[in-house]
Amino acid sequence: MTKLKLSAIPDDRPVKIAIELPAAVHRDLVAYAEVLGRETGQATTDPAKLIAPMLARFMMTDRAFTRARRSTKSG
């Protein structure tokens, strides 16, 4: 079993944002969705639905961002 950074994608009310991705990033996103679908037993996940959890995970694990955000809130 592969240890992916994401788990099952929660169904949450989205905010619509339009972005453009390089073709290579999109291909990787599609491949990631396929692997995630196999790992979680869900139907193949829509690649676009992976972007928000990936960004959230990235920001949550970015220590510099966490420190900067904490100092902004307390100051």
PDB file of N, CA and C in Angstrom:
ATOM      1  N   MET A   1       0.848  -1.186   0.000  1.00  0.00           N
ATOM      2  CA  MET A   1       0.000   0.000   0.000  1.00  0.00           C
ATOM      3  C   MET A   1       0.887   1.241   0.000  1.00  0.00           C
ATOM      4  N   THR A   2       0.553   2.185  -0.824  1.00  0.00           N
ATOM      5  CA  THR A   2       1.303   3.426  -0.946  1.00  0.00           C
ATOM      6  C   THR A   2       0.915   4.377   0.172  1.00  0.00           C
ATOM      7  N   LYS A   3       1.885   5.090   0.718  1.00  0.00           N
ATOM      8  CA  LYS A   3       1.613   6.072   1.777  1.00  0.00           C
ATOM      9  C   LYS A   3       1.491   7.442   1.127  1.00  0.00           C
ATOM     10  N   LEU A   4       0.260   7.834   0.771  1.00  0.00           N
ATOM     11  CA  LEU A   4       0.018   9.129   0.147  1.00  0.00           C
ATOM     12  C   LEU A   4      -0.142  10.204   1.210  1.00  0.00           C
ATOM     13  N   LYS A   5       0.134  11.444   0.852  1.00  0.00           N
ATOM     14  CA  LYS A   5      -0.030  12.566   1.774  1.00  0.00           C
ATOM     15  C   LYS A   5      -1.501  12.903   2.006  1.00  0.00           C
ATOM     16  N   LEU A   6      -2.366  12.565   1.049  1.00  0.00           N
ATOM     17  CA  LEU A   6      -3.796  12.847   1.180  1.00  0.00           C
ATOM     18  C   LEU A   6      -4.545  11.576   1.516  1.00  0.00           C
ATOM     19  N   SER A   7      -5.678  11.743   2.179  1.00  0.00           N
ATOM     20  CA  SER A   7      -6.580  10.623   2.417  1.00  0.00           C
ATOM     21  C   SER A   7      -7.864  10.923   1.651  1.00  0.00           C
ATOM     22  N   ALA A   8      -8.945  10.258   2.009  1.00  0.00           N
ATOM     23  CA  ALA A   8     -10.209  10.489   1.313  1.00  0.00           C
ATOM     24  C   ALA A   8     -10.558  11.979   1.344  1.00  0.00           C
ATOM     25  N   ILE A   9     -11.117  12.472   0.265  1.00  0.00           N
ATOM     26  CA  ILE A   9     -11.440  13.893   0.123  1.00  0.00           C
ATOM     27  C   ILE A   9     -12.815  14.161   0.725  1.00  0.00           C
ATOM     28  N   PRO A  10     -12.887  15.030   1.740  1.00  0.00           N
ATOM     29  CA  PRO A  10     -14.199  15.330   2.331  1.00  0.00           C
ATOM     30  C   PRO A  10     -15.064  16.126   1.359  1.00  0.00           C
ATOM     31  N   ASP A  11     -16.363  15.898   1.455  1.00  0.00           N
ATOM     32  CA  ASP A  11     -17.297  16.649   0.629  1.00  0.00           C
ATOM     33  C   ASP A  11     -17.583  17.954   1.353  1.00  0.00           C
ATOM     34  N   ASP A  12     -17.110  19.067   0.803  1.00  0.00           N
ATOM     35  CA  ASP A  12     -17.233  20.364   1.452  1.00  0.00           C
ATOM     36  C   ASP A  12     -17.744  21.370   0.426  1.00  0.00           C
ATOM     37  N   ARG A  13     -18.424  22.381   0.886  1.00  0.00           N
ATOM     38  CA  ARG A  13     -18.948  23.401  -0.027  1.00  0.00           C
ATOM     39  C   ARG A  13     -17.788  24.211  -0.589  1.00  0.00           C
ATOM     40  N   PRO A  14     -17.596  24.185  -1.891  1.00  0.00           N
ATOM     41  CA  PRO A  14     -16.434  24.835  -2.489  1.00  0.00           C
ATOM     42  C   PRO A  14     -16.627  26.313  -2.783  1.00  0.00           C
ATOM     43  N   VAL A  15     -15.524  27.004  -2.931  1.00  0.00           N
ATOM     44  CA  VAL A  15     -15.467  28.368  -3.431  1.00  0.00           C
ATOM     45  C   VAL A  15     -14.819  28.245  -4.800  1.00  0.00           C
ATOM     46  N   LYS A  16     -15.430  28.800  -5.812  1.00  0.00           N
ATOM     47  CA  LYS A  16     -14.954  28.633  -7.174  1.00  0.00           C
ATOM     48  C   LYS A  16     -13.799  29.579  -7.479  1.00  0.00           C
ATOM     49  N   ILE A  17     -12.688  29.004  -7.968  1.00  0.00           N
ATOM     50  CA  ILE A  17     -11.517  29.759  -8.395  1.00  0.00           C
ATOM     51  C   ILE A  17     -11.055  29.149  -9.715  1.00  0.00           C
ATOM     52  N   ALA A  18     -10.795  29.967 -10.687  1.00  0.00           N
ATOM     53  CA  ALA A  18     -10.296  29.466 -11.970  1.00  0.00           C
ATOM     54  C   ALA A  18      -8.773  29.599 -12.002  1.00  0.00           C
ATOM     55  N   ILE A  19      -8.093  28.503 -12.355  1.00  0.00           N
ATOM     56  CA  ILE A  19      -6.636  28.539 -12.452  1.00  0.00           C
ATOM     57  C   ILE A  19      -6.198  27.826 -13.728  1.00  0.00           C
ATOM     58  N   GLU A  20      -4.997  28.118 -14.148  1.00  0.00           N
ATOM     59  CA  GLU A  20      -4.383  27.403 -15.264  1.00  0.00           C
ATOM     60  C   GLU A  20      -3.212  26.621 -14.719  1.00  0.00           C
ATOM     61  N   LEU A  21      -3.108  25.358 -15.133  1.00  0.00           N
ATOM     62  CA  LEU A  21      -2.014  24.501 -14.699  1.00  0.00           C
ATOM     63  C   LEU A  21      -1.143  24.129 -15.890  1.00  0.00           C
ATOM     64  N   PRO A  22       0.147  23.998 -15.674  1.00  0.00           N
ATOM     65  CA  PRO A  22       0.982  23.448 -16.739  1.00  0.00           C
ATOM     66  C   PRO A  22       0.502  22.021 -17.049  1.00  0.00           C
ATOM     67  N   ALA A  23       0.649  21.601 -18.299  1.00  0.00           N
ATOM     68  CA  ALA A  23       0.172  20.279 -18.712  1.00  0.00           C
ATOM     69  C   ALA A  23       0.794  19.168 -17.869  1.00  0.00           C
ATOM     70  N   ALA A  24       2.062  19.286 -17.540  1.00  0.00           N
ATOM     71  CA  ALA A  24       2.726  18.244 -16.745  1.00  0.00           C
ATOM     72  C   ALA A  24       2.114  18.137 -15.349  1.00  0.00           C
ATOM     73  N   VAL A  25       1.768  19.266 -14.763  1.00  0.00           N
ATOM     74  CA  VAL A  25       1.145  19.252 -13.434  1.00  0.00           C
ATOM     75  C   VAL A  25      -0.229  18.604 -13.529  1.00  0.00           C
ATOM     76  N   HIS A  26      -0.969  18.908 -14.573  1.00  0.00           N
ATOM     77  CA  HIS A  26      -2.292  18.301 -14.749  1.00  0.00           C
ATOM     78  C   HIS A  26      -2.180  16.795 -14.919  1.00  0.00           C
ATOM     79  N   ARG A  27      -1.222  16.336 -15.712  1.00  0.00           N
ATOM     80  CA  ARG A  27      -1.032  14.895 -15.892  1.00  0.00           C
ATOM     81  C   ARG A  27      -0.713  14.229 -14.558  1.00  0.00           C
ATOM     82  N   ASP A  28       0.143  14.856 -13.769  1.00  0.00           N
ATOM     83  CA  ASP A  28       0.477  14.300 -12.461  1.00  0.00           C
ATOM     84  C   ASP A  28      -0.732  14.301 -11.531  1.00  0.00           C
ATOM     85  N   LEU A  29      -1.544  15.332 -11.612  1.00  0.00           N
ATOM     86  CA  LEU A  29      -2.754  15.415 -10.800  1.00  0.00           C
ATOM     87  C   LEU A  29      -3.723  14.288 -11.164  1.00  0.00           C
ATOM     88  N   VAL A  30      -3.875  14.024 -12.451  1.00  0.00           N
ATOM     89  CA  VAL A  30      -4.745  12.932 -12.912  1.00  0.00           C
ATOM     90  C   VAL A  30      -4.204  11.590 -12.409  1.00  0.00           C
ATOM     91  N   ALA A  31      -2.899  11.403 -12.515  1.00  0.00           N
ATOM     92  CA  ALA A  31      -2.289  10.159 -12.044  1.00  0.00           C
ATOM     93  C   ALA A  31      -2.466  10.015 -10.534  1.00  0.00           C
ATOM     94  N   TYR A  32      -2.289  11.111  -9.796  1.00  0.00           N
ATOM     95  CA  TYR A  32      -2.456  11.076  -8.343  1.00  0.00           C
ATOM     96  C   TYR A  32      -3.893  10.691  -7.997  1.00  0.00           C
ATOM     97  N   ALA A  33      -4.854  11.257  -8.714  1.00  0.00           N
ATOM     98  CA  ALA A  33      -6.269  10.947  -8.470  1.00  0.00           C
ATOM     99  C   ALA A  33      -6.539   9.462  -8.695  1.00  0.00           C
ATOM    100  N   GLU A  34      -5.925   8.886  -9.710  1.00  0.00           N
ATOM    101  CA  GLU A  34      -6.114   7.461  -9.981  1.00  0.00           C
ATOM    102  C   GLU A  34      -5.546   6.607  -8.857  1.00  0.00           C
ATOM    103  N   VAL A  35      -4.344   6.940  -8.395  1.00  0.00           N
ATOM    104  CA  VAL A  35      -3.724   6.196  -7.298  1.00  0.00           C
ATOM    105  C   VAL A  35      -4.549   6.361  -6.027  1.00  0.00           C
ATOM    106  N   LEU A  36      -4.973   7.581  -5.734  1.00  0.00           N
ATOM    107  CA  LEU A  36      -5.782   7.845  -4.549  1.00  0.00           C
ATOM    108  C   LEU A  36      -7.088   7.054  -4.601  1.00  0.00           C
ATOM    109  N   GLY A  37      -7.701   7.006  -5.768  1.00  0.00           N
ATOM    110  CA  GLY A  37      -8.932   6.235  -5.933  1.00  0.00           C
ATOM    111  C   GLY A  37      -8.727   4.766  -5.619  1.00  0.00           C
ATOM    112  N   ARG A  38      -7.619   4.212  -6.083  1.00  0.00           N
ATOM    113  CA  ARG A  38      -7.313   2.804  -5.785  1.00  0.00           C
ATOM    114  C   ARG A  38      -7.036   2.606  -4.298  1.00  0.00           C
ATOM    115  N   GLU A  39      -6.280   3.519  -3.704  1.00  0.00           N
ATOM    116  CA  GLU A  39      -5.895   3.385  -2.297  1.00  0.00           C
ATOM    117  C   GLU A  39      -7.070   3.536  -1.339  1.00  0.00           C
ATOM    118  N   THR A  40      -7.998   4.419  -1.655  1.00  0.00           N
ATOM    119  CA  THR A  40      -9.122   4.682  -0.752  1.00  0.00           C
ATOM    120  C   THR A  40     -10.348   3.848  -1.087  1.00  0.00           C
ATOM    121  N   GLY A  41     -10.340   3.190  -2.232  1.00  0.00           N
ATOM    122  CA  GLY A  41     -11.492   2.404  -2.640  1.00  0.00           C
ATOM    123  C   GLY A  41     -12.632   3.238  -3.184  1.00  0.00           C
ATOM    124  N   GLN A  42     -12.385   4.538  -3.368  1.00  0.00           N
ATOM    125  CA  GLN A  42     -13.401   5.418  -3.944  1.00  0.00           C
ATOM    126  C   GLN A  42     -13.298   5.334  -5.462  1.00  0.00           C
ATOM    127  N   ALA A  43     -14.379   5.722  -6.120  1.00  0.00           N
ATOM    128  CA  ALA A  43     -14.305   5.850  -7.566  1.00  0.00           C
ATOM    129  C   ALA A  43     -13.202   6.863  -7.877  1.00  0.00           C
ATOM    130  N   THR A  44     -12.651   6.807  -9.062  1.00  0.00           N
ATOM    131  CA  THR A  44     -11.581   7.729  -9.410  1.00  0.00           C
ATOM    132  C   THR A  44     -11.984   9.146  -9.055  1.00  0.00           C
ATOM    133  N   THR A  45     -11.181   9.764  -8.245  1.00  0.00           N
ATOM    134  CA  THR A  45     -11.445  11.112  -7.760  1.00  0.00           C
ATOM    135  C   THR A  45     -11.232  12.125  -8.874  1.00  0.00           C
ATOM    136  N   ASP A  46     -12.093  13.129  -8.929  1.00  0.00           N
ATOM    137  CA  ASP A  46     -11.927  14.223  -9.881  1.00  0.00           C
ATOM    138  C   ASP A  46     -10.625  14.948  -9.536  1.00  0.00           C
ATOM    139  N   PRO A  47      -9.679  15.018 -10.458  1.00  0.00           N
ATOM    140  CA  PRO A  47      -8.393  15.658 -10.161  1.00  0.00           C
ATOM    141  C   PRO A  47      -8.523  17.079  -9.623  1.00  0.00           C
ATOM    142  N   ALA A  48      -9.501  17.831 -10.085  1.00  0.00           N
ATOM    143  CA  ALA A  48      -9.679  19.207  -9.611  1.00  0.00           C
ATOM    144  C   ALA A  48      -9.982  19.246  -8.116  1.00  0.00           C
ATOM    145  N   LYS A  49     -10.620  18.191  -7.594  1.00  0.00           N
ATOM    146  CA  LYS A  49     -10.951  18.157  -6.173  1.00  0.00           C
ATOM    147  C   LYS A  49      -9.732  17.896  -5.295  1.00  0.00           C
ATOM    148  N   LEU A  50      -8.622  17.545  -5.888  1.00  0.00           N
ATOM    149  CA  LEU A  50      -7.399  17.303  -5.120  1.00  0.00           C
ATOM    150  C   LEU A  50      -6.643  18.587  -4.812  1.00  0.00           C
ATOM    151  N   ILE A  51      -6.862  19.616  -5.602  1.00  0.00           N
ATOM    152  CA  ILE A  51      -6.060  20.836  -5.485  1.00  0.00           C
ATOM    153  C   ILE A  51      -6.211  21.480  -4.109  1.00  0.00           C
ATOM    154  N   ALA A  52      -7.424  21.662  -3.638  1.00  0.00           N
ATOM    155  CA  ALA A  52      -7.626  22.311  -2.336  1.00  0.00           C
ATOM    156  C   ALA A  52      -7.012  21.514  -1.184  1.00  0.00           C
ATOM    157  N   PRO A  53      -7.255  20.192  -1.080  1.00  0.00           N
ATOM    158  CA  PRO A  53      -6.618  19.461   0.016  1.00  0.00           C
ATOM    159  C   PRO A  53      -5.091  19.452  -0.081  1.00  0.00           C
ATOM    160  N   MET A  54      -4.570  19.439  -1.301  1.00  0.00           N
ATOM    161  CA  MET A  54      -3.114  19.484  -1.461  1.00  0.00           C
ATOM    162  C   MET A  54      -2.557  20.823  -0.984  1.00  0.00           C
ATOM    163  N   LEU A  55      -3.216  21.896  -1.357  1.00  0.00           N
ATOM    164  CA  LEU A  55      -2.774  23.215  -0.901  1.00  0.00           C
ATOM    165  C   LEU A  55      -2.893  23.340   0.610  1.00  0.00           C
ATOM    166  N   ALA A  56      -4.000  22.848   1.163  1.00  0.00           N
ATOM    167  CA  ALA A  56      -4.183  22.905   2.618  1.00  0.00           C
ATOM    168  C   ALA A  56      -3.099  22.109   3.328  1.00  0.00           C
ATOM    169  N   ARG A  57      -2.795  20.919   2.816  1.00  0.00           N
ATOM    170  CA  ARG A  57      -1.755  20.078   3.415  1.00  0.00           C
ATOM    171  C   ARG A  57      -0.395  20.767   3.325  1.00  0.00           C
ATOM    172  N   PHE A  58      -0.127  21.355   2.177  1.00  0.00           N
ATOM    173  CA  PHE A  58       1.138  22.078   1.990  1.00  0.00           C
ATOM    174  C   PHE A  58       1.276  23.202   3.011  1.00  0.00           C
ATOM    175  N   MET A  59       0.237  24.023   3.148  1.00  0.00           N
ATOM    176  CA  MET A  59       0.303  25.153   4.075  1.00  0.00           C
ATOM    177  C   MET A  59       0.371  24.677   5.530  1.00  0.00           C
ATOM    178  N   MET A  60      -0.339  23.585   5.844  1.00  0.00           N
ATOM    179  CA  MET A  60      -0.335  23.064   7.203  1.00  0.00           C
ATOM    180  C   MET A  60       1.052  22.552   7.601  1.00  0.00           C
ATOM    181  N   THR A  61       1.809  22.051   6.643  1.00  0.00           N
ATOM    182  CA  THR A  61       3.125  21.481   6.952  1.00  0.00           C
ATOM    183  C   THR A  61       4.268  22.456   6.690  1.00  0.00           C
ATOM    184  N   ASP A  62       3.964  23.671   6.281  1.00  0.00           N
ATOM    185  CA  ASP A  62       4.992  24.685   6.040  1.00  0.00           C
ATOM    186  C   ASP A  62       5.237  25.442   7.349  1.00  0.00           C
ATOM    187  N   ARG A  63       6.310  25.108   8.015  1.00  0.00           N
ATOM    188  CA  ARG A  63       6.586  25.684   9.336  1.00  0.00           C
ATOM    189  C   ARG A  63       6.778  27.196   9.291  1.00  0.00           C
ATOM    190  N   ALA A  64       7.433  27.685   8.265  1.00  0.00           N
ATOM    191  CA  ALA A  64       7.641  29.133   8.149  1.00  0.00           C
ATOM    192  C   ALA A  64       6.297  29.850   8.018  1.00  0.00           C
ATOM    193  N   PHE A  65       5.398  29.290   7.249  1.00  0.00           N
ATOM    194  CA  PHE A  65       4.067  29.882   7.101  1.00  0.00           C
ATOM    195  C   PHE A  65       3.323  29.859   8.430  1.00  0.00           C
ATOM    196  N   THR A  66       3.398  28.730   9.138  1.00  0.00           N
ATOM    197  CA  THR A  66       2.719  28.620  10.435  1.00  0.00           C
ATOM    198  C   THR A  66       3.236  29.656  11.415  1.00  0.00           C
ATOM    199  N   ARG A  67       4.568  29.834  11.471  1.00  0.00           N
ATOM    200  CA  ARG A  67       5.149  30.841  12.368  1.00  0.00           C
ATOM    201  C   ARG A  67       4.712  32.245  11.963  1.00  0.00           C
ATOM    202  N   ALA A  68       4.772  32.545  10.667  1.00  0.00           N
ATOM    203  CA  ALA A  68       4.394  33.879  10.189  1.00  0.00           C
ATOM    204  C   ALA A  68       2.926  34.150  10.478  1.00  0.00           C
ATOM    205  N   ARG A  69       2.086  33.175  10.276  1.00  0.00           N
ATOM    206  CA  ARG A  69       0.659  33.345  10.518  1.00  0.00           C
ATOM    207  C   ARG A  69       0.380  33.560  12.002  1.00  0.00           C
ATOM    208  N   ARG A  70       1.076  32.791  12.824  1.00  0.00           N
ATOM    209  CA  ARG A  70       0.913  32.924  14.286  1.00  0.00           C
ATOM    210  C   ARG A  70       1.353  34.315  14.741  1.00  0.00           C
ATOM    211  N   SER A  71       2.461  34.799  14.206  1.00  0.00           N
ATOM    212  CA  SER A  71       2.945  36.113  14.629  1.00  0.00           C
ATOM    213  C   SER A  71       2.030  37.228  14.120  1.00  0.00           C
ATOM    214  N   THR A  72       1.403  37.041  12.983  1.00  0.00           N
ATOM    215  CA  THR A  72       0.462  38.021  12.454  1.00  0.00           C
ATOM    216  C   THR A  72      -0.798  38.077  13.323  1.00  0.00           C
ATOM    217  N   LYS A  73      -1.262  36.921  13.777  1.00  0.00           N
ATOM    218  CA  LYS A  73      -2.471  36.868  14.608  1.00  0.00           C
ATOM    219  C   LYS A  73      -2.225  37.460  15.993  1.00  0.00           C
ATOM    220  N   SER A  74      -1.037  37.234  16.538  1.00  0.00           N
ATOM    221  CA  SER A  74      -0.780  37.701  17.901  1.00  0.00           C
ATOM    222  C   SER A  74      -0.276  39.147  17.937  1.00  0.00           C
ATOM    223  N   GLY A  75       0.102  39.671  16.805  1.00  0.00           N
ATOM    224  CA  GLY A  75       0.700  41.004  16.795  1.00  0.00           C
ATOM    225  C   GLY A  75      -0.160  41.989  16.217  1.00  0.00           C
TER     226      GLY A  75
END
